[in-house]
Amino acid sequence: MEDAKLTPLEASQLLTDEYSAKILLATYKRRISAQEISQRYGIPIAACYRKIRVLEQVGLIECVDRILTQKGKRKNLYTSRLKNAYVFFENGHLRARFQLATGIVKDFGGDWNGLELLRQ
């Protein structure tokens, strides 16, 4: 995952924000364009592109292909890189953990030594 400088709250919001969550679900194990996500999930196209850009910057989704439409325009196809995500509130501390399909794990907040059981 890219060197994301997110707080645990920001990381957890990537999962709980309505549009981000819909985009992550739409791209899970499939390649789909922003236009298709927008139409299928009722996300305004400008908001869809903004959220896609943020999710790309933190490494949760990626552009895996650029295809040519029948009208001759280029269209990006996106897929999720997220395998598992965890958000914890424990003893007054918020923590988030993202595990990518590649096996890379990125933790946000706190000491994760007590949570080794989540590593697979």
Protein backbone atom coordinates (compact mmCIF):
# COMPACT_ATOMS: atom_id res chain seq x y z
CA MET A 1 0.00 0.00 0.00
CA GLU A 2 1.18 3.50 -0.73
CA ASP A 3 2.63 5.50 2.12
CA ALA A 4 -0.77 6.71 3.31
CA LYS A 5 -0.66 9.26 6.12
CA LEU A 6 -4.12 8.57 7.51
CA THR A 7 -5.29 8.79 11.10
CA PRO A 8 -7.27 5.81 12.41
CA LEU A 9 -10.44 7.92 12.08
CA GLU A 10 -9.70 8.80 8.45
CA ALA A 11 -8.92 5.16 7.67
CA SER A 12 -12.17 3.99 9.25
CA GLN A 13 -14.12 6.65 7.34
CA LEU A 14 -12.90 5.15 4.06
CA LEU A 15 -14.91 2.07 4.98
CA THR A 16 -17.96 3.75 6.46
CA ASP A 17 -18.47 6.62 4.03
CA GLU A 18 -21.46 5.65 1.88
CA TYR A 19 -19.86 6.37 -1.50
CA SER A 20 -16.48 4.87 -0.61
CA ALA A 21 -18.13 1.73 0.73
CA LYS A 22 -20.24 1.37 -2.42
CA ILE A 23 -17.14 1.81 -4.62
CA LEU A 24 -15.20 -0.78 -2.62
CA LEU A 25 -18.12 -3.21 -2.93
CA ALA A 26 -18.57 -2.49 -6.64
CA THR A 27 -14.90 -3.14 -7.39
CA TYR A 28 -14.51 -6.24 -5.24
CA LYS A 29 -13.28 -9.08 -7.47
CA ARG A 30 -14.42 -7.32 -10.64
CA ARG A 31 -13.27 -4.64 -13.05
CA ILE A 32 -15.71 -1.78 -13.40
CA SER A 33 -15.68 1.80 -14.69
CA ALA A 34 -16.55 4.93 -12.75
CA GLN A 35 -19.53 5.47 -15.06
CA GLU A 36 -20.89 2.00 -14.30
CA ILE A 37 -20.37 2.48 -10.56
CA SER A 38 -22.13 5.85 -10.74
CA GLN A 39 -25.14 4.44 -12.59
CA ARG A 40 -25.43 1.15 -10.71
CA TYR A 41 -24.97 2.55 -7.20
CA GLY A 42 -26.56 5.99 -7.58
CA ILE A 43 -23.38 7.97 -6.92
CA PRO A 44 -23.10 11.34 -8.69
CA ILE A 45 -20.31 11.00 -11.28
CA ALA A 46 -18.21 13.88 -9.90
CA ALA A 47 -18.39 12.42 -6.37
CA CYS A 48 -17.58 8.98 -7.77
CA TYR A 49 -14.40 10.25 -9.43
CA ARG A 50 -13.38 12.14 -6.25
CA LYS A 51 -13.82 9.05 -4.06
CA ILE A 52 -12.05 6.83 -6.60
CA ARG A 53 -9.09 9.23 -6.58
CA VAL A 54 -8.88 9.10 -2.75
CA LEU A 55 -9.21 5.30 -2.67
CA GLU A 56 -6.50 5.03 -5.34
CA GLN A 57 -4.18 7.37 -3.42
CA VAL A 58 -4.34 5.18 -0.32
CA GLY A 59 -3.99 2.01 -2.37
CA LEU A 60 -7.39 0.43 -1.74
CA ILE A 61 -8.38 0.33 -5.42
CA GLU A 62 -6.41 0.50 -8.62
CA CYS A 63 -6.94 1.15 -12.30
CA VAL A 64 -6.27 -2.22 -13.93
CA ASP A 65 -7.18 -1.46 -17.53
CA ARG A 66 -8.04 1.33 -19.96
CA ILE A 67 -10.48 0.37 -22.68
CA LEU A 68 -11.80 2.17 -25.72
CA THR A 69 -15.57 2.75 -25.81
CA GLN A 70 -17.67 2.47 -28.95
CA LYS A 71 -17.55 6.27 -29.14
CA GLY A 72 -13.75 6.22 -29.14
CA LYS A 73 -13.29 7.50 -25.58
CA ARG A 74 -10.95 5.91 -23.06
CA LYS A 75 -12.52 4.39 -19.97
CA ASN A 76 -10.62 3.24 -16.86
CA LEU A 77 -11.56 -0.01 -15.20
CA TYR A 78 -10.99 -0.25 -11.46
CA THR A 79 -10.71 -3.14 -9.05
CA SER A 80 -10.39 -3.32 -5.29
CA ARG A 81 -7.08 -4.28 -3.70
CA LEU A 82 -8.74 -4.68 -0.29
CA LYS A 83 -9.06 -8.22 1.08
CA ASN A 84 -9.97 -7.51 4.72
CA ALA A 85 -10.57 -4.42 6.80
CA TYR A 86 -10.93 -4.10 10.55
CA VAL A 87 -11.95 -1.16 12.70
CA PHE A 88 -11.58 -1.42 16.48
CA PHE A 89 -12.49 0.83 19.36
CA GLU A 90 -10.72 -0.54 22.39
CA ASN A 91 -9.85 1.08 25.72
CA GLY A 92 -10.47 4.55 24.34
CA HIS A 93 -8.38 4.03 21.20
CA LEU A 94 -9.55 3.79 17.61
CA ARG A 95 -7.57 1.51 15.31
CA ALA A 96 -7.97 0.39 11.72
CA ARG A 97 -6.22 -2.32 9.74
CA PHE A 98 -6.33 -2.93 5.99
CA GLN A 99 -5.12 -6.18 4.48
CA LEU A 100 -4.63 -6.10 0.72
CA ALA A 101 -5.09 -8.99 -1.67
CA THR A 102 -1.28 -8.97 -2.04
CA GLY A 103 -0.94 -9.79 1.67
CA ILE A 104 0.37 -6.35 2.63
CA VAL A 105 -1.06 -5.13 5.95
CA LYS A 106 -1.36 -1.45 6.86
CA ASP A 107 -2.20 -0.46 10.42
CA PHE A 108 -3.51 2.89 11.59
CA GLY A 109 -3.21 3.78 15.25
CA GLY A 110 -1.96 2.06 18.37
CA ASP A 111 0.07 -1.00 19.16
CA TRP A 112 -1.06 -4.02 17.18
CA ASN A 113 1.12 -6.62 18.92
CA GLY A 114 -1.89 -7.99 20.82
CA LEU A 115 -3.81 -8.54 17.61
CA GLU A 116 -1.55 -11.00 15.83
CA LEU A 117 -4.51 -13.36 15.43
CA LEU A 118 -5.71 -11.17 12.55
CA ARG A 119 -2.63 -11.87 10.44
CA GLN A 120 -3.46 -14.67 8.06
